[in-house]
Amino acid sequence: MNNARRRSFRSRPQKNNFRRRSVALSSSTSNSFKNNGNVNFNRNGSMNNIHNVEKTMHKFQQLAKDAQSNGDPVLAQNYLQHADHYLRRFNELNDKKENSGEKAKNVNVSMDKENITNKDLSQNTNKILS
């Protein structure tokens, strides 16, 4: 009954001359992208930077040690599970880094072999022609 009397939300003017997206743009993109909190987290790339992942893993390990020393085994286990998650992510990033390094080496080796065979071919062609 009181719902009819409620005033609708009245927006306040933006400070610092910050411009919002236009209504047409936001309404067209709202259908294609669902707005949840994980979208912003994935955009900042914090889970792709190996140094950030390692630092976060160490932070949770230290928090687990502190919780254990304070006599809270449940909280310590929670922190250890978080640290384990970041350890797995750290290992994934290391594997990707090593694999990309091996691929780059393989590409360089194959390019060197190709250059050598091209040089041999051109030298043999020059010998035959002369």
C-alpha atoms as a PDB file:
ATOM      1  CA  MET A   1       0.000   0.000   0.000  1.00  0.00           C
ATOM      2  CA  ASN A   2       2.796   2.396   0.815  1.00  0.00           C
ATOM      3  CA  ASN A   3       4.601   1.371  -2.350  1.00  0.00           C
ATOM      4  CA  ALA A   4       2.471   3.764  -4.391  1.00  0.00           C
ATOM      5  CA  ARG A   5       3.622   6.687  -2.266  1.00  0.00           C
ATOM      6  CA  ARG A   6       7.332   5.919  -2.528  1.00  0.00           C
ATOM      7  CA  ARG A   7       9.361   8.325  -4.531  1.00  0.00           C
ATOM      8  CA  SER A   8      11.487   6.926  -7.294  1.00  0.00           C
ATOM      9  CA  PHE A   9      15.249   7.241  -7.027  1.00  0.00           C
ATOM     10  CA  ARG A  10      16.486  10.676  -7.991  1.00  0.00           C
ATOM     11  CA  SER A  11      20.021  10.701  -9.305  1.00  0.00           C
ATOM     12  CA  ARG A  12      22.446  13.320  -8.099  1.00  0.00           C
ATOM     13  CA  PRO A  13      24.658  15.266 -10.463  1.00  0.00           C
ATOM     14  CA  GLN A  14      28.100  13.784 -11.027  1.00  0.00           C
ATOM     15  CA  LYS A  15      31.119  15.410  -9.420  1.00  0.00           C
ATOM     16  CA  ASN A  16      34.399  16.309 -11.110  1.00  0.00           C
ATOM     17  CA  ASN A  17      32.782  16.495 -14.543  1.00  0.00           C
ATOM     18  CA  PHE A  18      32.896  12.730 -14.865  1.00  0.00           C
ATOM     19  CA  ARG A  19      30.892  11.557 -17.858  1.00  0.00           C
ATOM     20  CA  ARG A  20      28.730   8.491 -17.723  1.00  0.00           C
ATOM     21  CA  ARG A  21      28.083   6.217 -20.647  1.00  0.00           C
ATOM     22  CA  SER A  22      25.120   7.195 -22.720  1.00  0.00           C
ATOM     23  CA  VAL A  23      21.839   5.462 -21.972  1.00  0.00           C
ATOM     24  CA  ALA A  24      21.608   4.027 -25.485  1.00  0.00           C
ATOM     25  CA  LEU A  25      25.017   2.379 -25.198  1.00  0.00           C
ATOM     26  CA  SER A  26      24.415   0.916 -21.771  1.00  0.00           C
ATOM     27  CA  SER A  27      20.980  -0.423 -22.684  1.00  0.00           C
ATOM     28  CA  SER A  28      22.298  -2.117 -25.826  1.00  0.00           C
ATOM     29  CA  THR A  29      25.179  -3.779 -24.009  1.00  0.00           C
ATOM     30  CA  SER A  30      23.138  -4.840 -20.997  1.00  0.00           C
ATOM     31  CA  ASN A  31      21.518  -7.599 -23.032  1.00  0.00           C
ATOM     32  CA  SER A  32      24.788  -9.071 -24.273  1.00  0.00           C
ATOM     33  CA  PHE A  33      26.744  -8.833 -20.997  1.00  0.00           C
ATOM     34  CA  LYS A  34      25.355  -9.804 -17.658  1.00  0.00           C
ATOM     35  CA  ASN A  35      26.549  -7.447 -14.963  1.00  0.00           C
ATOM     36  CA  ASN A  36      28.111  -9.474 -12.177  1.00  0.00           C
ATOM     37  CA  GLY A  37      30.996  -8.758  -9.863  1.00  0.00           C
ATOM     38  CA  ASN A  38      33.374 -11.228 -11.514  1.00  0.00           C
ATOM     39  CA  VAL A  39      33.561  -9.287 -14.772  1.00  0.00           C
ATOM     40  CA  ASN A  40      35.603  -6.482 -13.264  1.00  0.00           C
ATOM     41  CA  PHE A  41      37.829  -8.937 -11.454  1.00  0.00           C
ATOM     42  CA  ASN A  42      38.690 -10.762 -14.650  1.00  0.00           C
ATOM     43  CA  ARG A  43      39.420  -7.555 -16.520  1.00  0.00           C
ATOM     44  CA  ASN A  44      42.180  -6.349 -14.244  1.00  0.00           C
ATOM     45  CA  GLY A  45      44.348  -9.376 -15.016  1.00  0.00           C
ATOM     46  CA  SER A  46      45.395  -9.996 -11.447  1.00  0.00           C
ATOM     47  CA  MET A  47      45.095 -13.755 -11.907  1.00  0.00           C
ATOM     48  CA  ASN A  48      47.345 -13.668 -14.978  1.00  0.00           C
ATOM     49  CA  ASN A  49      50.272 -11.870 -13.390  1.00  0.00           C
ATOM     50  CA  ILE A  50      52.534 -14.525 -11.883  1.00  0.00           C
ATOM     51  CA  HIS A  51      54.017 -12.104  -9.356  1.00  0.00           C
ATOM     52  CA  ASN A  52      50.609 -11.066  -8.010  1.00  0.00           C
ATOM     53  CA  VAL A  53      49.552 -14.701  -7.706  1.00  0.00           C
ATOM     54  CA  GLU A  54      52.737 -15.603  -5.850  1.00  0.00           C
ATOM     55  CA  LYS A  55      52.379 -12.635  -3.508  1.00  0.00           C
ATOM     56  CA  THR A  56      48.747 -13.528  -2.746  1.00  0.00           C
ATOM     57  CA  MET A  57      49.696 -17.154  -2.119  1.00  0.00           C
ATOM     58  CA  HIS A  58      52.332 -16.095   0.424  1.00  0.00           C
ATOM     59  CA  LYS A  59      49.870 -13.706   2.049  1.00  0.00           C
ATOM     60  CA  PHE A  60      47.353 -16.502   2.658  1.00  0.00           C
ATOM     61  CA  GLN A  61      50.080 -18.824   3.939  1.00  0.00           C
ATOM     62  CA  GLN A  62      51.119 -16.169   6.448  1.00  0.00           C
ATOM     63  CA  LEU A  63      47.507 -15.577   7.473  1.00  0.00           C
ATOM     64  CA  ALA A  64      47.117 -19.321   8.041  1.00  0.00           C
ATOM     65  CA  LYS A  65      50.200 -19.371  10.269  1.00  0.00           C
ATOM     66  CA  ASP A  66      48.881 -16.411  12.248  1.00  0.00           C
ATOM     67  CA  ALA A  67      45.455 -18.005  12.664  1.00  0.00           C
ATOM     68  CA  GLN A  68      47.041 -21.281  13.792  1.00  0.00           C
ATOM     69  CA  SER A  69      49.194 -19.498  16.351  1.00  0.00           C
ATOM     70  CA  ASN A  70      46.100 -17.673  17.628  1.00  0.00           C
ATOM     71  CA  GLY A  71      44.373 -21.023  18.160  1.00  0.00           C
ATOM     72  CA  ASP A  72      41.816 -20.884  15.346  1.00  0.00           C
ATOM     73  CA  PRO A  73      42.255 -24.093  13.304  1.00  0.00           C
ATOM     74  CA  VAL A  74      39.111 -23.506  11.206  1.00  0.00           C
ATOM     75  CA  LEU A  75      40.286 -20.121  10.004  1.00  0.00           C
ATOM     76  CA  ALA A  76      43.785 -21.514   9.441  1.00  0.00           C
ATOM     77  CA  GLN A  77      42.340 -24.282   7.247  1.00  0.00           C
ATOM     78  CA  ASN A  78      40.320 -21.717   5.307  1.00  0.00           C
ATOM     79  CA  TYR A  79      43.431 -19.660   4.612  1.00  0.00           C
ATOM     80  CA  LEU A  80      45.357 -22.789   3.632  1.00  0.00           C
ATOM     81  CA  GLN A  81      42.671 -23.670   1.101  1.00  0.00           C
ATOM     82  CA  HIS A  82      42.975 -20.194  -0.393  1.00  0.00           C
ATOM     83  CA  ALA A  83      46.757 -20.517  -0.499  1.00  0.00           C
ATOM     84  CA  ASP A  84      46.389 -23.915  -2.183  1.00  0.00           C
ATOM     85  CA  HIS A  85      44.189 -22.361  -4.866  1.00  0.00           C
ATOM     86  CA  TYR A  86      46.788 -19.699  -5.601  1.00  0.00           C
ATOM     87  CA  LEU A  87      49.538 -22.333  -5.577  1.00  0.00           C
ATOM     88  CA  ARG A  88      47.692 -24.255  -8.315  1.00  0.00           C
ATOM     89  CA  ARG A  89      47.243 -21.050 -10.310  1.00  0.00           C
ATOM     90  CA  PHE A  90      50.938 -20.213  -9.816  1.00  0.00           C
ATOM     91  CA  ASN A  91      51.918 -23.652 -11.154  1.00  0.00           C
ATOM     92  CA  GLU A  92      49.611 -23.208 -14.162  1.00  0.00           C
ATOM     93  CA  LEU A  93      51.204 -19.884 -15.015  1.00  0.00           C
ATOM     94  CA  ASN A  94      54.695 -21.373 -14.641  1.00  0.00           C
ATOM     95  CA  ASP A  95      53.771 -24.221 -16.984  1.00  0.00           C
ATOM     96  CA  LYS A  96      52.388 -21.782 -19.539  1.00  0.00           C
ATOM     97  CA  LYS A  97      55.530 -19.688 -19.278  1.00  0.00           C
ATOM     98  CA  GLU A  98      57.796 -22.709 -19.765  1.00  0.00           C
ATOM     99  CA  ASN A  99      55.731 -24.013 -22.669  1.00  0.00           C
ATOM    100  CA  SER A 100      55.766 -20.653 -24.406  1.00  0.00           C
ATOM    101  CA  GLY A 101      59.543 -20.490 -23.886  1.00  0.00           C
ATOM    102  CA  GLU A 102      59.965 -23.950 -25.377  1.00  0.00           C
ATOM    103  CA  LYS A 103      57.758 -23.020 -28.324  1.00  0.00           C
ATOM    104  CA  ALA A 104      59.827 -19.906 -28.936  1.00  0.00           C
ATOM    105  CA  LYS A 105      63.024 -21.970 -28.797  1.00  0.00           C
ATOM    106  CA  ASN A 106      61.543 -24.545 -31.176  1.00  0.00           C
ATOM    107  CA  VAL A 107      60.511 -21.805 -33.593  1.00  0.00           C
ATOM    108  CA  ASN A 108      64.009 -20.275 -33.446  1.00  0.00           C
ATOM    109  CA  VAL A 109      65.657 -23.672 -33.985  1.00  0.00           C
ATOM    110  CA  SER A 110      63.376 -24.469 -36.913  1.00  0.00           C
ATOM    111  CA  MET A 111      64.022 -21.021 -38.391  1.00  0.00           C
ATOM    112  CA  ASP A 112      67.777 -21.577 -38.027  1.00  0.00           C
ATOM    113  CA  LYS A 113      67.504 -24.981 -39.699  1.00  0.00           C
ATOM    114  CA  GLU A 114      65.426 -23.468 -42.480  1.00  0.00           C
ATOM    115  CA  ASN A 115      67.980 -20.700 -42.985  1.00  0.00           C
ATOM    116  CA  ILE A 116      70.792 -23.245 -43.091  1.00  0.00           C
ATOM    117  CA  THR A 117      68.973 -25.384 -45.657  1.00  0.00           C
ATOM    118  CA  ASN A 118      68.166 -22.282 -47.710  1.00  0.00           C
ATOM    119  CA  LYS A 119      71.850 -21.255 -47.638  1.00  0.00           C
ATOM    120  CA  ASP A 120      72.940 -24.750 -48.640  1.00  0.00           C
ATOM    121  CA  LEU A 121      70.367 -24.792 -51.403  1.00  0.00           C
ATOM    122  CA  SER A 122      71.458 -21.407 -52.724  1.00  0.00           C
ATOM    123  CA  GLN A 123      75.144 -22.385 -52.554  1.00  0.00           C
ATOM    124  CA  ASN A 124      74.454 -25.632 -54.394  1.00  0.00           C
ATOM    125  CA  THR A 125      72.393 -23.754 -56.969  1.00  0.00           C
ATOM    126  CA  ASN A 126      75.202 -21.243 -57.467  1.00  0.00           C
ATOM    127  CA  LYS A 127      77.720 -24.080 -57.912  1.00  0.00           C
ATOM    128  CA  ILE A 128      75.511 -25.788 -60.468  1.00  0.00           C
ATOM    129  CA  LEU A 129      74.924 -22.563 -62.383  1.00  0.00           C
ATOM    130  CA  SER A 130      78.588 -21.610 -62.488  1.00  0.00           C
END
